[in-house]
Protein backbone atom coordinates (compact mmCIF):
# COMPACT_ATOMS: atom_id res chain seq x y z
CA UNK A 1 -0.04 0.02 -0.12
CA UNK A 2 1.23 3.57 -0.80
CA UNK A 3 0.47 6.94 0.59
CA UNK A 4 1.70 10.12 -1.00
CA UNK A 5 0.62 13.60 0.50
CA UNK A 6 2.33 17.22 1.29
CA UNK A 7 1.46 19.51 3.78
CA UNK A 8 -1.55 20.83 1.82
CA UNK A 9 -2.96 17.44 1.45
CA UNK A 10 -2.50 16.97 5.34
CA UNK A 11 -5.38 19.49 5.71
CA UNK A 12 -7.89 17.34 4.10
CA UNK A 13 -7.03 14.27 6.58
CA UNK A 14 -8.10 13.42 9.95
CA UNK A 15 -6.63 10.34 11.70
CA UNK A 16 -9.54 8.60 13.03
CA UNK A 17 -7.52 6.10 15.26
CA UNK A 18 -5.29 3.01 15.16
CA UNK A 19 -6.77 0.20 12.85
CA UNK A 20 -5.39 -3.01 11.85
CA UNK A 21 -5.80 -4.76 8.50
CA UNK A 22 -6.93 -7.72 9.74
CA UNK A 23 -10.21 -5.92 11.12
CA UNK A 24 -11.19 -4.90 7.56
CA UNK A 25 -10.16 -8.07 5.78
CA UNK A 26 -13.56 -8.04 4.07
CA UNK A 27 -12.92 -4.60 2.54
CA UNK A 28 -11.56 -3.91 -0.96
CA UNK A 29 -8.74 -1.65 -1.84
CA UNK A 30 -9.26 1.82 -3.41
CA UNK A 31 -7.60 5.04 -4.32
CA UNK A 32 -8.17 8.32 -3.65
CA UNK A 33 -6.78 11.39 -5.73
CA UNK A 34 -6.89 15.00 -5.74
CA UNK A 35 -7.27 16.77 -9.12
CA UNK A 36 -4.32 18.97 -8.46
CA UNK A 37 -2.00 15.84 -7.56
CA UNK A 38 -1.59 17.02 -3.70
CA UNK A 39 -3.26 13.99 -2.72
CA UNK A 40 -2.78 10.23 -3.73
CA UNK A 41 -3.39 7.48 -1.36
CA UNK A 42 -4.50 3.61 -1.35
CA UNK A 43 -5.97 1.90 1.42
CA UNK A 44 -8.76 -0.38 2.36
CA UNK A 45 -12.27 0.95 1.81
CA UNK A 46 -13.86 1.13 5.27
CA UNK A 47 -16.88 3.48 5.11
CA UNK A 48 -18.31 6.69 3.70
CA UNK A 49 -19.86 9.12 6.37
CA UNK A 50 -20.14 12.77 7.02
CA UNK A 51 -19.46 13.52 3.29
CA UNK A 52 -15.78 12.08 3.82
CA UNK A 53 -14.42 8.61 2.85
CA UNK A 54 -12.76 6.68 5.62
CA UNK A 55 -9.93 4.38 4.47
CA UNK A 56 -7.59 1.96 6.63
CA UNK A 57 -3.89 2.63 6.14
CA UNK A 58 -0.55 1.45 7.83
CA UNK A 59 -1.26 4.94 9.97
CA UNK A 60 -4.68 3.78 11.11
CA UNK A 61 -7.97 5.02 9.70
CA UNK A 62 -7.84 8.16 7.79
CA UNK A 63 -11.10 10.48 6.88
CA UNK A 64 -10.59 12.15 3.36
CA UNK A 65 -12.92 14.99 2.70
CA UNK A 66 -14.72 13.80 -0.46
CA UNK A 67 -15.03 17.32 -1.91
CA UNK A 68 -11.33 17.17 -2.30
CA UNK A 69 -10.65 14.05 -3.81
CA UNK A 70 -12.18 11.39 -6.26
CA UNK A 71 -12.54 7.49 -5.21
CA UNK A 72 -10.91 4.94 -7.74
CA UNK A 73 -11.58 1.34 -7.21
CA UNK A 74 -14.59 -1.40 -7.17
CA UNK A 75 -15.39 -0.74 -3.63
CA UNK A 76 -16.01 3.10 -3.97
CA UNK A 77 -19.27 4.02 -3.09
CA UNK A 78 -22.08 5.26 -5.81
CA UNK A 79 -22.73 8.79 -4.59
CA UNK A 80 -25.55 9.01 -7.19
CA UNK A 81 -26.09 12.27 -9.22
CA UNK A 82 -28.47 10.70 -11.80
CA UNK A 83 -31.46 12.14 -9.81
CA UNK A 84 -29.91 15.75 -9.64
CA UNK A 85 -32.32 18.61 -9.86
CA UNK A 86 -30.31 20.57 -12.16
CA UNK A 87 -27.24 18.97 -14.33
CA UNK A 88 -24.49 21.20 -15.73
CA UNK A 89 -21.72 19.75 -18.10
CA UNK A 90 -19.11 20.57 -20.21
CA UNK A 91 -15.90 22.37 -19.81
CA UNK A 92 -13.48 21.53 -17.28
CA UNK A 93 -11.96 24.69 -17.27
CA UNK A 94 -15.26 26.13 -15.90
CA UNK A 95 -16.46 22.88 -13.73
CA UNK A 96 -13.32 22.36 -12.06
CA UNK A 97 -11.83 25.73 -11.87
CA UNK A 98 -14.75 28.02 -11.24
CA UNK A 99 -18.05 25.93 -10.45
CA UNK A 100 -17.59 24.75 -6.99
CA UNK A 101 -17.07 28.13 -5.55
CA UNK A 102 -19.95 29.58 -7.67
CA UNK A 103 -22.20 27.19 -6.18
CA UNK A 104 -20.97 27.66 -2.59
CA UNK A 105 -21.71 31.51 -3.53
CA UNK A 106 -24.95 30.70 -4.92
CA UNK A 107 -25.69 28.85 -1.61
CA UNK A 108 -24.91 31.38 0.57
CA UNK A 109 -26.78 34.11 -1.50
CA UNK A 110 -29.89 32.47 -0.81
CA UNK A 111 -29.17 31.46 2.89
CA UNK A 112 -28.16 28.22 2.19
CA UNK A 113 -25.21 25.77 2.50
CA UNK A 114 -23.75 23.87 -0.15
CA UNK A 115 -22.04 20.14 0.34
CA UNK A 116 -19.96 19.37 -2.62
CA UNK A 117 -19.12 15.49 -3.12
CA UNK A 118 -17.07 14.06 -5.60
CA UNK A 119 -19.26 11.34 -6.85
CA UNK A 120 -16.31 8.87 -7.68
CA UNK A 121 -17.44 9.01 -11.31
CA UNK A 122 -14.06 10.90 -12.98
CA UNK A 123 -14.64 14.52 -11.94
CA UNK A 124 -18.13 14.64 -11.22
CA UNK A 125 -19.18 16.60 -8.26
CA UNK A 126 -22.65 16.95 -6.84
CA UNK A 127 -23.56 19.68 -4.72
CA UNK A 128 -26.63 19.34 -2.14
CA UNK A 129 -28.06 22.63 -1.07
CA UNK A 130 -29.60 22.91 1.96
CA UNK A 131 -31.89 26.06 3.50
CA UNK A 132 -31.24 28.06 6.82
CA UNK A 133 -27.71 27.96 6.18
CA UNK A 134 -27.40 24.01 6.52
CA UNK A 135 -30.36 23.46 9.38
CA UNK A 136 -33.33 23.66 7.07
CA UNK A 137 -34.86 21.38 4.39
CA UNK A 138 -33.22 20.15 1.26
CA UNK A 139 -33.46 22.80 -1.34
CA UNK A 140 -31.69 21.47 -4.42
CA UNK A 141 -29.05 18.82 -5.74
CA UNK A 142 -26.96 19.98 -8.76
CA UNK A 143 -24.65 17.55 -10.22
CA UNK A 144 -21.64 19.15 -12.58
CA UNK A 145 -19.97 16.88 -15.27
CA UNK A 146 -16.37 18.33 -16.16
CA UNK A 147 -15.36 17.16 -19.37
CA UNK A 148 -14.64 19.35 -22.49
CA UNK A 149 -16.71 22.41 -24.22
CA UNK A 150 -17.98 20.19 -27.10
CA UNK A 151 -19.71 18.20 -24.85
CA UNK A 152 -21.71 20.90 -23.34
CA UNK A 153 -23.69 21.42 -26.73
CA UNK A 154 -23.88 17.65 -27.53
CA UNK A 155 -25.50 17.30 -23.93
CA UNK A 156 -27.54 20.38 -24.33
CA UNK A 157 -28.73 18.78 -27.51
CA UNK A 158 -29.53 15.68 -26.04
CA UNK A 159 -31.35 16.87 -23.36
CA UNK A 160 -29.13 15.24 -20.71
CA UNK A 161 -28.22 18.82 -19.12
CA UNK A 162 -29.99 21.70 -18.39
CA UNK A 163 -26.62 24.14 -18.28
CA UNK A 164 -23.69 24.04 -20.58
CA UNK A 165 -20.37 25.22 -19.46
CA UNK A 166 -17.76 26.30 -22.18
CA UNK A 167 -14.36 28.01 -22.80
CA UNK A 168 -15.10 29.07 -26.29
CA UNK A 169 -18.17 30.40 -27.76
CA UNK A 170 -20.66 28.35 -29.48
CA UNK A 171 -20.01 27.55 -33.38
CA UNK A 172 -22.72 28.03 -35.92
CA UNK A 173 -23.44 24.23 -36.57
CA UNK A 174 -23.92 23.70 -32.81
CA UNK A 175 -26.49 26.71 -32.56
CA UNK A 176 -28.15 25.55 -35.43
CA UNK A 177 -28.70 22.04 -34.31
CA UNK A 178 -29.67 23.26 -30.74
CA UNK A 179 -32.34 25.94 -32.64
CA UNK A 180 -33.68 22.99 -34.72
CA UNK A 181 -34.28 20.91 -31.74
CA UNK A 182 -36.51 23.41 -30.04
CA UNK A 183 -33.82 25.05 -27.63
CA UNK A 184 -34.22 28.49 -28.98
CA UNK A 185 -31.72 31.16 -30.07
CA UNK A 186 -28.33 30.03 -28.20
CA UNK A 187 -26.84 33.43 -28.65
CA UNK A 188 -29.62 35.38 -27.20
CA UNK A 189 -28.77 37.11 -23.84
CA UNK A 190 -31.25 35.08 -22.19
CA UNK A 191 -29.44 32.05 -23.36
CA UNK A 192 -25.77 32.87 -23.75
CA UNK A 193 -24.05 33.91 -20.48
CA UNK A 194 -20.48 35.25 -20.36
CA UNK A 195 -19.35 34.38 -16.31
CA UNK A 196 -15.62 35.24 -16.48
CA UNK A 197 -12.46 36.06 -18.90
CA UNK A 198 -9.67 33.48 -18.49
CA UNK A 199 -5.95 33.88 -19.67
CA UNK A 200 -4.52 30.75 -21.31
CA UNK A 201 -0.76 30.76 -19.98
CA UNK A 202 1.98 29.27 -21.77
CA UNK A 203 3.95 27.22 -19.08
CA UNK A 204 7.18 25.23 -18.64
CA UNK A 205 9.00 23.39 -15.77
CA UNK A 206 10.09 25.86 -12.78
CA UNK A 207 13.29 24.64 -13.41
CA UNK A 208 13.53 25.86 -17.07
CA UNK A 209 15.13 29.49 -17.52
CA UNK A 210 13.43 30.57 -20.65
CA UNK A 211 11.39 33.57 -19.69
CA UNK A 212 9.49 34.66 -22.86
CA UNK A 213 8.68 33.25 -26.44
CA UNK A 214 7.42 35.10 -29.66
CA UNK A 215 3.96 33.56 -30.80
CA UNK A 216 6.08 32.48 -33.72
CA UNK A 217 8.48 30.64 -31.81
CA UNK A 218 5.20 28.73 -29.88
CA UNK A 219 4.08 28.03 -33.70
CA UNK A 220 7.35 26.40 -34.35
CA UNK A 221 7.44 24.48 -31.09
CA UNK A 222 4.10 22.99 -31.48
CA UNK A 223 4.38 22.18 -35.50
CA UNK A 224 7.60 20.18 -34.67
CA UNK A 225 9.97 22.66 -36.30
CA UNK A 226 11.95 23.62 -32.97
CA UNK A 227 12.43 20.45 -30.88
CA UNK A 228 15.50 21.34 -28.40
CA UNK A 229 15.14 24.47 -25.54
CA UNK A 230 18.64 25.38 -26.88
CA UNK A 231 17.22 26.68 -30.17
CA UNK A 232 15.05 29.21 -27.80
CA UNK A 233 17.74 30.46 -25.74
CA UNK A 234 17.47 27.79 -22.96
CA UNK A 235 19.40 24.84 -22.21
CA UNK A 236 20.56 21.85 -24.29
CA UNK A 237 17.23 19.73 -23.48
CA UNK A 238 14.50 18.06 -25.54
CA UNK A 239 11.24 19.74 -25.71
CA UNK A 240 8.25 17.69 -24.49
CA UNK A 241 5.10 19.36 -26.23
CA UNK A 242 1.96 18.79 -23.88
CA UNK A 243 -1.55 19.74 -25.73
CA UNK A 244 -5.35 19.35 -24.76
CA UNK A 245 -7.56 17.04 -26.74
CA UNK A 246 -8.52 18.12 -29.96
CA UNK A 247 -12.39 18.64 -28.94
CA UNK A 248 -11.90 20.91 -25.84
CA UNK A 249 -12.49 24.63 -25.61
CA UNK A 250 -9.08 25.25 -24.45
CA UNK A 251 -7.40 23.66 -27.38
CA UNK A 252 -9.59 25.37 -30.02
CA UNK A 253 -8.62 28.78 -28.17
CA UNK A 254 -5.01 27.92 -28.27
CA UNK A 255 -5.27 26.48 -32.10
CA UNK A 256 -7.26 29.98 -33.07
CA UNK A 257 -4.67 32.33 -31.44
CA UNK A 258 -1.55 30.55 -32.50
CA UNK A 259 -2.17 28.86 -35.51
CA UNK A 260 -5.18 30.87 -37.36
CA UNK A 261 -7.30 28.35 -39.67
CA UNK A 262 -3.94 26.09 -39.87
CA UNK A 263 -4.54 24.22 -36.77
CA UNK A 264 -2.11 22.18 -34.66
CA UNK A 265 0.46 19.83 -36.74
CA UNK A 266 0.47 17.31 -34.04
CA UNK A 267 4.12 17.07 -33.72
CA UNK A 268 5.93 13.74 -32.93
CA UNK A 269 5.95 12.74 -29.30
CA UNK A 270 2.67 15.01 -28.69
CA UNK A 271 1.53 14.75 -25.32
CA UNK A 272 -2.44 14.63 -24.95
CA UNK A 273 -3.61 15.46 -21.58
CA UNK A 274 -7.24 15.19 -20.42
CA UNK A 275 -7.53 18.19 -18.12
CA UNK A 276 -6.05 21.49 -17.36
CA UNK A 277 -4.65 19.79 -14.08
CA UNK A 278 -2.84 17.10 -15.97
CA UNK A 279 -1.22 19.36 -18.18
CA UNK A 280 0.08 21.47 -15.17
CA UNK A 281 1.10 18.10 -13.39
CA UNK A 282 2.87 16.76 -16.31
CA UNK A 283 4.88 19.85 -17.06
CA UNK A 284 5.73 20.28 -13.13
CA UNK A 285 7.11 16.73 -13.47
CA UNK A 286 8.76 17.12 -16.58
CA UNK A 287 12.04 19.29 -17.25
CA UNK A 288 11.98 20.08 -20.89
CA UNK A 289 8.13 20.13 -20.81
CA UNK A 290 5.96 22.94 -22.39
CA UNK A 291 2.11 23.22 -22.18
CA UNK A 292 -1.07 25.66 -21.83
CA UNK A 293 -3.38 26.07 -19.28
CA UNK A 294 -5.97 28.31 -17.98
CA UNK A 295 -4.95 30.98 -15.33
CA UNK A 296 -6.50 29.31 -12.46
CA UNK A 297 -4.33 25.93 -13.29
CA UNK A 298 -0.51 27.20 -13.33
CA UNK A 299 0.36 24.97 -10.29
CA UNK A 300 3.66 26.42 -9.56
CA UNK A 301 4.75 26.22 -12.97
CA UNK A 302 6.76 28.87 -14.91
CA UNK A 303 4.39 31.33 -16.83
CA UNK A 304 5.70 32.58 -19.86
CA UNK A 305 5.52 36.21 -21.49
CA UNK A 306 4.51 36.42 -25.13
CA UNK A 307 5.75 38.67 -27.83
CA UNK A 308 3.24 38.84 -31.15
CA UNK A 309 4.38 39.20 -34.61
CA UNK A 310 4.01 42.96 -34.25
CA UNK A 311 6.68 43.18 -31.36
CA UNK A 312 3.86 43.88 -28.78
CA UNK A 313 4.68 42.11 -25.51
CA UNK A 314 2.12 40.67 -23.65
CA UNK A 315 1.42 39.51 -20.25
CA UNK A 316 -1.71 37.78 -18.79
CA UNK A 317 -2.71 40.13 -16.20
CA UNK A 318 -6.27 41.11 -15.21
CA UNK A 319 -6.11 44.69 -17.04
CA UNK A 320 -4.84 43.34 -20.27
CA UNK A 321 -7.41 40.25 -19.95
CA UNK A 322 -10.31 42.47 -19.06
CA UNK A 323 -9.58 44.86 -22.19
CA UNK A 324 -9.15 41.64 -24.51
CA UNK A 325 -5.77 42.98 -25.43
CA UNK A 326 -4.19 39.52 -24.15
CA UNK A 327 -3.61 37.32 -27.31
CA UNK A 328 -4.52 33.98 -25.49
CA UNK A 329 -7.39 35.22 -23.47
CA UNK A 330 -10.97 33.75 -23.66
CA UNK A 331 -14.44 34.30 -22.80
CA UNK A 332 -16.17 31.74 -20.12
CA UNK A 333 -19.55 30.85 -21.12
CA UNK A 334 -22.84 29.34 -19.66
CA UNK A 335 -25.48 28.40 -22.23
CA UNK A 336 -28.92 27.13 -21.38
CA UNK A 337 -31.93 25.73 -23.50
CA UNK A 338 -34.85 27.98 -23.88
CA UNK A 339 -37.38 25.07 -23.65
CA UNK A 340 -36.12 23.16 -20.32
CA UNK A 341 -34.78 26.16 -18.08
CA UNK A 342 -35.99 25.90 -14.73
CA UNK A 343 -36.46 28.42 -12.04
CA UNK A 344 -33.62 27.30 -9.96
CA UNK A 345 -31.29 27.18 -13.22
CA UNK A 346 -32.45 30.74 -14.03
CA UNK A 347 -31.61 31.74 -10.41
CA UNK A 348 -28.48 30.56 -10.48
CA UNK A 349 -27.61 31.89 -13.62
CA UNK A 350 -28.36 35.32 -12.55
CA UNK A 351 -25.92 34.95 -9.38
CA UNK A 352 -23.31 33.52 -11.44
CA UNK A 353 -23.45 36.44 -13.90
CA UNK A 354 -24.23 39.15 -11.28
CA UNK A 355 -21.39 41.41 -9.36
CA UNK A 356 -21.87 39.61 -6.23
CA UNK A 357 -20.34 36.81 -7.81
CA UNK A 358 -17.13 38.87 -9.08
CA UNK A 359 -14.89 38.18 -5.84
CA UNK A 360 -15.45 34.23 -5.90
CA UNK A 361 -14.43 34.56 -9.58
CA UNK A 362 -11.31 36.33 -8.56
CA UNK A 363 -10.41 33.64 -5.84
CA UNK A 364 -10.91 31.09 -8.17
CA UNK A 365 -8.25 32.42 -10.45
CA UNK A 366 -10.52 33.96 -12.96
CA UNK A 367 -11.45 37.55 -14.02
CA UNK A 368 -14.71 39.00 -13.52
CA UNK A 369 -16.08 41.89 -15.06
CA UNK A 370 -15.30 44.53 -12.46
CA UNK A 371 -14.12 48.08 -13.87
CA UNK A 372 -10.07 48.63 -13.08
CA UNK A 373 -8.71 51.73 -13.56
CA UNK A 374 -4.71 52.58 -14.82
CA UNK A 375 -2.96 55.98 -15.54
CA UNK A 376 -1.79 56.48 -18.83
CA UNK A 377 1.59 57.94 -18.38
CA UNK A 378 3.61 59.96 -20.75
CA UNK A 379 6.53 57.75 -20.76
CA UNK A 380 4.59 54.26 -21.02
CA UNK A 381 4.79 52.00 -24.02
CA UNK A 382 1.92 53.30 -25.74
CA UNK A 383 3.24 56.91 -25.62
CA UNK A 384 6.41 56.14 -27.09
CA UNK A 385 4.73 54.21 -29.79
CA UNK A 386 2.82 57.60 -30.97
CA UNK A 387 5.85 59.56 -30.90
CA UNK A 388 7.03 57.37 -33.78
CA UNK A 389 9.53 59.35 -35.86
CA UNK A 390 9.09 57.41 -39.00
CA UNK A 391 5.25 57.97 -39.11
CA UNK A 392 3.62 59.65 -42.15
CA UNK A 393 3.52 63.37 -41.30
CA UNK A 394 -0.46 63.47 -41.58
CA UNK A 395 -0.74 60.76 -39.09
CA UNK A 396 1.89 61.98 -36.63
CA UNK A 397 -0.12 65.10 -36.17
CA UNK A 398 -2.91 62.99 -35.28
CA UNK A 399 -1.21 60.81 -33.08
CA UNK A 400 0.46 63.77 -31.23
CA UNK A 401 -2.89 64.84 -30.89
CA UNK A 402 -4.00 61.28 -29.21
CA UNK A 403 -0.73 61.86 -26.59
CA UNK A 404 -1.82 65.13 -25.63
CA UNK A 405 -5.33 63.97 -24.81
CA UNK A 406 -4.51 60.93 -23.44
CA UNK A 407 -1.90 61.87 -20.76
CA UNK A 408 -4.92 63.86 -18.96
CA UNK A 409 -6.78 60.96 -18.55
CA UNK A 410 -6.73 57.29 -16.94
CA UNK A 411 -8.18 54.44 -18.90
CA UNK A 412 -10.81 52.25 -17.66
CA UNK A 413 -10.60 48.36 -18.13
CA UNK A 414 -14.12 48.74 -19.93
CA UNK A 415 -13.60 48.60 -23.82
CA UNK A 416 -16.30 47.99 -25.92
CA UNK A 417 -16.34 46.21 -29.45
CA UNK A 418 -18.95 45.77 -32.04
CA UNK A 419 -20.41 42.72 -33.74
CA UNK A 420 -18.49 42.24 -37.16
CA UNK A 421 -19.94 44.43 -39.65
CA UNK A 422 -22.52 45.94 -37.28
CA UNK A 423 -23.01 48.91 -35.34
CA UNK A 424 -24.61 46.94 -32.48
CA UNK A 425 -22.30 46.22 -29.73
CA UNK A 426 -21.14 42.54 -29.14
CA UNK A 427 -22.51 40.10 -26.58
CA UNK A 428 -19.95 41.47 -24.06
CA UNK A 429 -20.69 44.84 -24.48
CA UNK A 430 -24.29 44.61 -22.91
CA UNK A 431 -22.25 43.35 -19.60
CA UNK A 432 -19.57 45.98 -19.67
CA UNK A 433 -22.03 48.93 -20.09
CA UNK A 434 -24.09 47.91 -17.12
CA UNK A 435 -20.67 47.37 -15.00
CA UNK A 436 -19.63 51.02 -16.38
CA UNK A 437 -22.89 52.56 -15.58
CA UNK A 438 -22.58 51.32 -12.05
CA UNK A 439 -18.93 52.31 -11.61
CA UNK A 440 -19.49 55.71 -12.99
CA UNK A 441 -22.42 56.49 -11.06
CA UNK A 442 -20.16 56.11 -7.92
CA UNK A 443 -18.19 58.82 -9.01
CA UNK A 444 -17.71 62.66 -7.66
CA UNK A 445 -19.49 65.30 -9.39
CA UNK A 446 -17.63 66.93 -12.36
CA UNK A 447 -16.05 63.65 -13.42
CA UNK A 448 -15.30 63.76 -16.88
CA UNK A 449 -15.55 60.59 -19.37
CA UNK A 450 -14.12 60.60 -22.81
CA UNK A 451 -15.36 57.61 -25.12
CA UNK A 452 -12.01 57.00 -27.59
CA UNK A 453 -12.76 55.13 -31.02
CA UNK A 454 -10.38 53.00 -32.92
CA UNK A 455 -10.38 50.69 -36.23
CA UNK A 456 -8.32 48.03 -38.02
CA UNK A 457 -6.25 49.14 -40.81
CA UNK A 458 -8.67 47.76 -43.37
CA UNK A 459 -9.74 50.71 -45.79
CA UNK A 460 -8.67 54.32 -46.10
CA UNK A 461 -6.78 56.24 -43.28
CA UNK A 462 -9.54 58.87 -43.32
CA UNK A 463 -12.51 56.86 -43.34
CA UNK A 464 -11.39 54.72 -40.58
CA UNK A 465 -11.17 58.17 -38.55
CA UNK A 466 -14.48 58.95 -39.27
CA UNK A 467 -15.95 55.69 -38.49
CA UNK A 468 -13.94 55.80 -34.92
CA UNK A 469 -15.25 58.52 -34.04
CA UNK A 470 -18.79 58.04 -34.87
CA UNK A 471 -18.37 54.74 -32.83
CA UNK A 472 -17.08 56.33 -30.10
CA UNK A 473 -20.25 59.10 -30.09
CA UNK A 474 -22.57 56.38 -30.48
CA UNK A 475 -21.16 54.61 -27.23
CA UNK A 476 -21.04 57.85 -25.27
CA UNK A 477 -24.93 58.33 -26.45
CA UNK A 478 -25.81 54.63 -25.25
CA UNK A 479 -24.50 55.07 -21.81
CA UNK A 480 -25.49 58.40 -21.15
CA UNK A 481 -29.07 57.56 -22.24
CA UNK A 482 -29.12 53.83 -20.52
CA UNK A 483 -27.66 55.61 -17.11
CA UNK A 484 -30.14 58.45 -17.11
CA UNK A 485 -29.97 60.61 -14.15
CA UNK A 486 -27.84 58.22 -12.47
CA UNK A 487 -25.00 59.95 -14.30
CA UNK A 488 -25.99 63.30 -13.83
CA UNK A 489 -22.50 63.72 -12.00
CA UNK A 490 -20.40 62.91 -15.23
CA UNK A 491 -19.71 64.86 -18.42
CA UNK A 492 -19.39 62.81 -21.92
CA UNK A 493 -17.29 63.71 -24.76
CA UNK A 494 -15.93 61.40 -27.51
CA UNK A 495 -12.94 61.34 -29.92
CA UNK A 496 -11.33 58.99 -32.59
CA UNK A 497 -8.18 57.96 -34.26
CA UNK A 498 -9.01 55.35 -36.37
CA UNK A 499 -6.20 53.00 -36.96
CA UNK A 500 -3.33 54.28 -35.05
CA UNK A 501 -2.28 52.69 -31.74
CA UNK A 502 -3.27 49.16 -32.47
CA UNK A 503 -3.61 46.93 -29.78
CA UNK A 504 -3.37 43.74 -31.76
CA UNK A 505 -1.62 42.94 -34.96
CA UNK A 506 -3.93 43.70 -38.31
CA UNK A 507 -2.53 40.59 -39.80
CA UNK A 508 -5.26 38.20 -38.54
CA UNK A 509 -9.14 38.64 -37.94
CA UNK A 510 -8.57 38.09 -34.41
CA UNK A 511 -6.16 41.02 -34.18
CA UNK A 512 -8.47 43.21 -36.34
CA UNK A 513 -11.16 42.26 -33.93
CA UNK A 514 -9.37 43.59 -30.92
CA UNK A 515 -8.30 46.75 -32.50
CA UNK A 516 -12.11 47.61 -33.63
CA UNK A 517 -12.52 49.15 -30.21
CA UNK A 518 -14.09 52.02 -27.99
CA UNK A 519 -11.82 52.87 -24.99
CA UNK A 520 -13.50 54.46 -21.81
CA UNK A 521 -11.09 57.13 -20.61
CA UNK A 522 -11.67 59.34 -17.18
CA UNK A 523 -10.67 62.33 -15.47
CA UNK A 524 -11.62 63.16 -11.93
CA UNK A 525 -12.16 67.02 -10.97
CA UNK A 526 -9.39 68.79 -9.78
């Protein structure tokens, strides 16, 4: 029998008392594992009580919280889940990284207590909600099945779940199939819910001295063109490439941002990991490994900074993720069917997308939609780029105008973008507008807000300049109208600078999307 744990794991265990194995001779051997690898122990199954597994080991009886581990072995108890009131399925990024805290927070919001138990079926977790802070009646049971984003839509289509979790947006074929099945318009605000932002982080083993890679170098590594760290300025050591399975949202986002339409080439020796936790575990245990994980799953690995093909350095910090100016960021979604959403499901979705949930989203290692504020200094990277001596004289004049205005304002993380080819804000814009209004309503009288528009570089420079100004004015009008008397303390203005000051590379669809934006600048009264 083997037992392996660290100081963190010991917090999950209770030594119940000395017990010899002869007293449990009829029992069978089970293994208890935690998703982060901190607990991995084998012993004779004794009992399941008080939401804990009890196993017999050489140390005696150990009690292990079921919320922290999964049980493997024929003797593991069946903890149910088939009769849960609400079933949630899909992305492991959402299911393992975010959902446990959201369920606990939701329970607290309705004056209930949530008990989370791993069912023993993979990473399935069931939450039992009991009213009156755990002393009242049972209110609901919620089952969370964490696999991959594609499963969210197939399970919604088959009617197996009420809520689908995804780390990518639904694709047209999936939306059409669900609409044909009577599920409704899956991209309507009532069925598509953005709950958080996540940054995919490139990670290496903690012993690896390499700290920065270009996106081109990442492409070369994941296409098998570069196979040794010495080719990237590191030690003479073969590279072990770790990726997620092809049907996962995490891999879909990585391939789209790094490879575009060509996709990952599956280099020789590619290691496929089933979950984000498994990626970080492999990388931390393999000297030459490189992988990509959601921000909450770094697990002590070495996080790399990226430099894109335009020379723009990118770090996965919260401000850059909220503005969507970090190349490997993504939105995390919950999806519901129009024809099966229960009152309990709707109540939970409303909580998960509320400001009340923001602190738990941050605690889980993800990024919510709270409004951040950052100074715009005259000696920062952006200001230096606006002083480009090689710029066309006409464009240089506009760049200087922007610099003169910019240094008098801070920038808010709220950044509006539009649906492709449309004057309507995209699905995130609706959330940002409400959060921005709440933020501005709390500012002192005399606050000045400047909506500042930008475009990609497709089309004529002057045409883009006019478009950026009209879009900025449109957003200012929409926010002012939606805020009404609540924003009587704020003065609005707008400006536009076309294609100058890009945040992404105009060489890709994603880069151009990032550049088509309206920023929010703010100036407090003197």
